Amino acid sequence: MVKSRLTAFAHSPIPDASRYMAAMTNTAIPASPDRETYARDYAAALAANGDETIFARAEPIGLFMEWLAEAKATEPNDPNAMALSTVDAAGAPDSRMVLLKDIDERGFTFFSNAESDKGVELAARPVAALLFHWKSLRRQVRVRGRVEPVTEAEADAYFATRARESRIGAWASDQSRPLADRETLEAAVARETERFDGRDVPRPARWTGWRVIPEAVEFWRDRPFRLHDRLRFDRVDGQWRRERLYP
C-alpha cells in the first residue's frame, strides 16, 4: 500500500496539492494540526512555551535542569531518556536511546558496557550528540560535544546504586555481540547469579561511563503553525555565546 502511493508520484517530482492530499488519505501519518487542533489539544503546552524569559538566559545547564525537572513531572516514563549518536569506523552515524544519569557544569553523563558498539565507537572517536525529546512539554534539547570517560570511582559509585539484578546482568551480557537465543542469555544470568550468591556484585571492568562535554546546546519548543522557538548556546573561548535561530 505504501509503495503504491509513493510510486504514484514517480513521474511527477512536484505533485499538485490535491494529488498529494489524496495519496495521504487514510495513512498512519497524522495530519498537520490546524487552528482547531492547536486550540483543542495543544493550548496548555503552547501557553507554557510562550515564556520569553528563556531567551535572556546566560548559560544552558541551568535551563536544561529546569526543563528536565518539568519533564519529570509530566512525562509518563523516563524523562531522562536521550538519543545518543556516535560515529562508527566507516564514518556512519549510530543512534540509540540511553538514560542520562548525571548532569552538572561539566556535562551530561551516562553509563554502559565499554565493549558495546557505542563504547567501541566512543573509544575511536570521542565525540557525540544527544537529543532529549519531551512530548508532554512539546520540547527538545540537542547537545553536541566531545566525550571523556568518567573516573573509576564515579563508575563504581553509580554501579553500586543499581539493582542487584541489573548488576548481575552487566556480568551476564556480552553487549552488542550475537546471541543464539533467549535461553542462552537466561543461562548466563543464572550462572552469574549463582557465582555471586551471598556476596556483593562488583563492577565489571568493561562497564563504565562517559561524560559529554557540551560545545553546543540548542533548546527547541513548539509554537503554533511550525513557527517554533530555537535558542542555541555555543561555547567560545570558555564562555557561552547565545543566539536565537529561525524555526
Protein backbone atom coordinates (compact mmCIF):
# COMPACT_ATOMS: atom_id res chain seq x y z
CA MET A 1 0.00 0.00 0.00
CA VAL A 2 2.73 2.45 0.92
CA LYS A 3 4.71 1.51 -2.18
CA SER A 4 1.75 2.13 -4.47
CA ARG A 5 1.18 5.57 -3.01
CA LEU A 6 4.80 6.54 -3.38
CA THR A 7 5.08 5.31 -6.95
CA ALA A 8 2.08 7.44 -7.87
CA PHE A 9 4.50 10.38 -7.80
CA ALA A 10 7.27 8.64 -9.75
CA HIS A 11 6.73 10.69 -12.90
CA SER A 12 5.76 13.93 -11.18
CA PRO A 13 8.55 15.34 -9.00
CA ILE A 14 6.38 18.25 -7.84
CA PRO A 15 2.84 16.88 -7.40
CA ASP A 16 -0.03 19.31 -7.00
CA ALA A 17 -1.67 19.62 -3.59
CA SER A 18 -4.81 17.68 -4.48
CA ARG A 19 -2.86 14.61 -5.62
CA TYR A 20 -0.65 14.77 -2.55
CA MET A 21 -3.59 15.02 -0.15
CA ALA A 22 -5.37 12.16 -1.89
CA ALA A 23 -2.31 9.95 -1.58
CA MET A 24 -2.03 10.71 2.15
CA THR A 25 -5.66 9.83 2.92
CA ASN A 26 -6.13 7.07 5.49
CA THR A 27 -2.40 6.58 6.17
CA ALA A 28 -0.92 6.17 9.64
CA ILE A 29 0.78 9.58 9.38
CA PRO A 30 -1.12 12.20 11.42
CA ALA A 31 -2.32 15.26 9.59
CA SER A 32 -0.64 18.59 10.25
CA PRO A 33 -2.54 20.40 13.01
CA ASP A 34 -4.97 23.12 12.03
CA ARG A 35 -6.15 26.06 14.13
CA GLU A 36 -8.83 23.98 15.86
CA THR A 37 -6.38 21.21 16.72
CA TYR A 38 -3.95 23.68 18.28
CA ALA A 39 -6.73 25.24 20.33
CA ARG A 40 -8.14 21.87 21.47
CA ASP A 41 -5.05 19.71 22.03
CA TYR A 42 -2.02 21.94 22.42
CA ALA A 43 -3.29 25.00 24.26
CA ALA A 44 -1.69 24.31 27.65
CA ALA A 45 1.70 23.30 26.27
CA LEU A 46 1.81 26.19 23.83
CA ALA A 47 0.92 28.65 26.58
CA ALA A 48 3.76 27.29 28.73
CA ASN A 49 6.11 27.55 25.75
CA GLY A 50 5.36 31.24 25.26
CA ASP A 51 7.57 32.42 28.13
CA GLU A 52 10.14 34.78 26.57
CA THR A 53 12.41 34.83 29.63
CA ILE A 54 14.36 31.78 28.41
CA PHE A 55 15.97 33.99 25.76
CA ALA A 56 17.62 36.07 28.49
CA ARG A 57 19.47 33.07 29.98
CA ALA A 58 23.25 33.35 30.07
CA GLU A 59 24.09 29.62 30.12
CA PRO A 60 22.41 26.34 29.11
CA ILE A 61 22.96 23.95 32.03
CA GLY A 62 20.63 25.68 34.47
CA LEU A 63 17.94 25.98 31.80
CA PHE A 64 18.32 22.31 30.93
CA MET A 65 17.88 21.33 34.58
CA GLU A 66 14.69 23.37 34.77
CA TRP A 67 13.28 21.71 31.66
CA LEU A 68 14.28 18.27 32.94
CA ALA A 69 12.50 18.95 36.24
CA GLU A 70 9.35 19.91 34.34
CA ALA A 71 9.63 16.77 32.21
CA LYS A 72 9.98 14.63 35.35
CA ALA A 73 6.59 15.93 36.47
CA THR A 74 4.83 15.37 33.14
CA GLU A 75 6.46 12.55 31.13
CA PRO A 76 4.80 9.12 31.59
CA ASN A 77 8.22 7.40 31.83
CA ASP A 78 11.96 8.01 31.59
CA PRO A 79 12.16 11.82 31.38
CA ASN A 80 15.96 11.36 31.40
CA ALA A 81 15.91 9.24 28.20
CA MET A 82 18.07 10.62 25.41
CA ALA A 83 19.12 9.60 21.92
CA LEU A 84 22.89 9.12 21.85
CA SER A 85 24.54 9.41 18.43
CA THR A 86 28.09 8.23 17.77
CA VAL A 87 30.16 7.58 14.63
CA ASP A 88 31.44 4.17 13.52
CA ALA A 89 34.72 3.26 11.80
CA ALA A 90 33.23 3.94 8.36
CA GLY A 91 32.04 7.40 9.39
CA ALA A 92 28.38 6.36 9.54
CA PRO A 93 26.24 7.59 12.45
CA ASP A 94 24.70 5.27 15.05
CA SER A 95 21.86 6.30 17.36
CA ARG A 96 20.24 4.60 20.32
CA MET A 97 18.27 5.56 23.43
CA VAL A 98 20.16 5.65 26.73
CA LEU A 99 19.50 7.21 30.13
CA LEU A 100 21.11 10.37 31.44
CA LYS A 101 22.46 9.59 34.92
CA ASP A 102 24.14 12.84 35.93
CA ILE A 103 24.23 16.46 34.82
CA ASP A 104 26.36 19.30 36.15
CA GLU A 105 28.50 22.12 34.83
CA ARG A 106 30.98 19.55 33.46
CA GLY A 107 28.45 17.85 31.19
CA PHE A 108 25.98 15.00 30.61
CA THR A 109 26.89 11.56 32.00
CA PHE A 110 25.67 8.09 31.03
CA PHE A 111 26.88 4.52 31.67
CA SER A 112 27.15 1.34 29.61
CA ASN A 113 29.40 -1.51 28.52
CA ALA A 114 32.68 -0.29 27.02
CA GLU A 115 32.68 -3.31 24.68
CA SER A 116 29.29 -2.37 23.19
CA ASP A 117 29.02 -0.66 19.82
CA LYS A 118 28.73 2.71 21.49
CA GLY A 119 31.75 2.04 23.71
CA VAL A 120 33.92 0.95 20.78
CA GLU A 121 32.85 3.92 18.69
CA LEU A 122 33.47 6.39 21.50
CA ALA A 123 36.92 4.95 22.09
CA ALA A 124 37.83 5.54 18.44
CA ARG A 125 36.04 8.88 18.02
CA PRO A 126 35.29 10.55 21.36
CA VAL A 127 32.55 12.88 20.12
CA ALA A 128 28.78 12.51 20.42
CA ALA A 129 25.41 14.17 20.01
CA LEU A 130 22.46 13.88 22.38
CA LEU A 131 18.77 14.54 21.80
CA PHE A 132 16.13 14.86 24.52
CA HIS A 133 12.51 14.87 23.34
CA TRP A 134 9.76 15.56 25.87
CA LYS A 135 6.45 15.00 24.10
CA SER A 136 4.35 16.10 27.08
CA LEU A 137 6.07 19.50 27.03
CA ARG A 138 6.48 19.67 23.26
CA ARG A 139 10.16 20.48 23.73
CA GLN A 140 13.54 19.18 22.59
CA VAL A 141 17.15 19.78 23.59
CA ARG A 142 20.11 18.97 21.32
CA VAL A 143 23.66 18.64 22.64
CA ARG A 144 26.95 18.19 20.78
CA GLY A 145 30.41 17.84 22.25
CA ARG A 146 33.50 15.82 22.93
CA VAL A 147 33.35 12.82 25.23
CA GLU A 148 35.54 11.77 28.14
CA PRO A 149 35.36 8.61 30.29
CA VAL A 150 34.29 9.01 33.90
CA THR A 151 36.71 8.07 36.66
CA GLU A 152 36.84 4.57 38.13
CA ALA A 153 35.43 5.97 41.36
CA GLU A 154 32.48 7.55 39.54
CA ALA A 155 31.74 4.30 37.71
CA ASP A 156 31.97 2.30 40.96
CA ALA A 157 29.71 4.72 42.80
CA TYR A 158 26.96 4.63 40.18
CA PHE A 159 27.20 0.86 39.64
CA ALA A 160 26.64 0.33 43.36
CA THR A 161 23.27 2.13 43.13
CA ARG A 162 21.89 -0.26 40.51
CA ALA A 163 19.52 -3.09 41.41
CA ARG A 164 21.35 -6.32 42.18
CA GLU A 165 19.70 -7.98 39.18
CA SER A 166 20.97 -5.23 36.90
CA ARG A 167 24.49 -5.62 38.26
CA ILE A 168 24.35 -9.36 37.60
CA GLY A 169 23.06 -8.62 34.11
CA ALA A 170 26.13 -6.49 33.43
CA TRP A 171 28.26 -9.60 34.02
CA ALA A 172 26.00 -11.92 32.05
CA SER A 173 25.57 -9.82 28.89
CA ASP A 174 28.20 -9.66 26.14
CA GLN A 175 26.54 -6.50 24.92
CA SER A 176 26.17 -5.96 21.16
CA ARG A 177 27.57 -9.43 20.33
CA PRO A 178 25.47 -12.07 18.55
CA LEU A 179 23.15 -14.10 20.82
CA ALA A 180 21.90 -17.53 19.76
CA ASP A 181 18.63 -17.36 21.69
CA ARG A 182 16.99 -16.02 24.83
CA GLU A 183 17.73 -19.23 26.71
CA THR A 184 21.48 -18.62 26.33
CA LEU A 185 21.15 -15.23 27.97
CA GLU A 186 18.99 -16.59 30.78
CA ALA A 187 21.52 -19.37 31.40
CA ALA A 188 24.27 -16.76 31.70
CA VAL A 189 22.19 -14.78 34.19
CA ALA A 190 21.58 -17.93 36.24
CA ARG A 191 25.29 -18.73 36.19
CA GLU A 192 26.30 -15.27 37.39
CA THR A 193 23.52 -15.24 40.00
CA GLU A 194 24.92 -18.44 41.46
CA ARG A 195 28.50 -17.15 41.29
CA PHE A 196 27.68 -14.06 43.34
CA ASP A 197 25.29 -15.78 45.75
CA GLY A 198 25.71 -14.39 49.23
CA ARG A 199 28.16 -11.62 48.28
CA ASP A 200 28.26 -8.21 46.70
CA VAL A 201 28.27 -7.87 42.92
CA PRO A 202 31.28 -5.74 41.89
CA ARG A 203 31.50 -3.64 38.75
CA PRO A 204 32.94 -5.47 35.73
CA ALA A 205 36.00 -3.72 34.30
CA ARG A 206 34.21 -3.39 30.95
CA TRP A 207 31.29 -1.48 32.48
CA THR A 208 31.91 2.25 32.77
CA GLY A 209 30.55 5.70 31.95
CA TRP A 210 31.15 8.69 29.72
CA ARG A 211 30.58 12.41 30.01
CA VAL A 212 29.56 14.51 27.03
CA ILE A 213 31.21 17.90 27.47
CA PRO A 214 28.88 20.26 25.64
CA GLU A 215 30.19 22.59 22.98
CA ALA A 216 26.72 23.41 21.63
CA VAL A 217 23.29 23.14 23.28
CA GLU A 218 20.08 24.01 21.45
CA PHE A 219 16.66 24.40 23.08
CA TRP A 220 13.57 23.91 20.91
CA ARG A 221 9.95 24.40 21.87
CA ASP A 222 6.77 24.02 19.88
CA ARG A 223 4.89 27.13 18.81
CA PRO A 224 1.79 27.41 16.60
CA PHE A 225 1.97 26.64 12.87
CA ARG A 226 5.63 25.48 12.89
CA LEU A 227 6.91 28.91 13.96
CA HIS A 228 8.90 27.26 16.72
CA ASP A 229 11.32 28.86 19.16
CA ARG A 230 15.00 27.88 18.99
CA LEU A 231 17.72 29.08 21.37
CA ARG A 232 21.30 27.94 20.77
CA PHE A 233 24.31 28.20 23.08
CA ASP A 234 27.85 27.76 21.70
CA ARG A 235 30.94 27.56 23.87
CA VAL A 236 33.50 30.07 22.57
CA ASP A 237 36.82 30.55 24.39
CA GLY A 238 35.33 29.00 27.52
CA GLN A 239 32.26 31.26 27.54
CA TRP A 240 28.71 30.63 26.35
CA ARG A 241 27.51 32.62 23.36
CA ARG A 242 23.73 32.77 22.96
CA GLU A 243 21.68 33.33 19.82
CA ARG A 244 18.12 32.84 18.66
CA LEU A 245 17.53 30.86 15.47
CA TYR A 246 14.82 30.91 12.84
CA PRO A 247 12.50 27.88 13.13
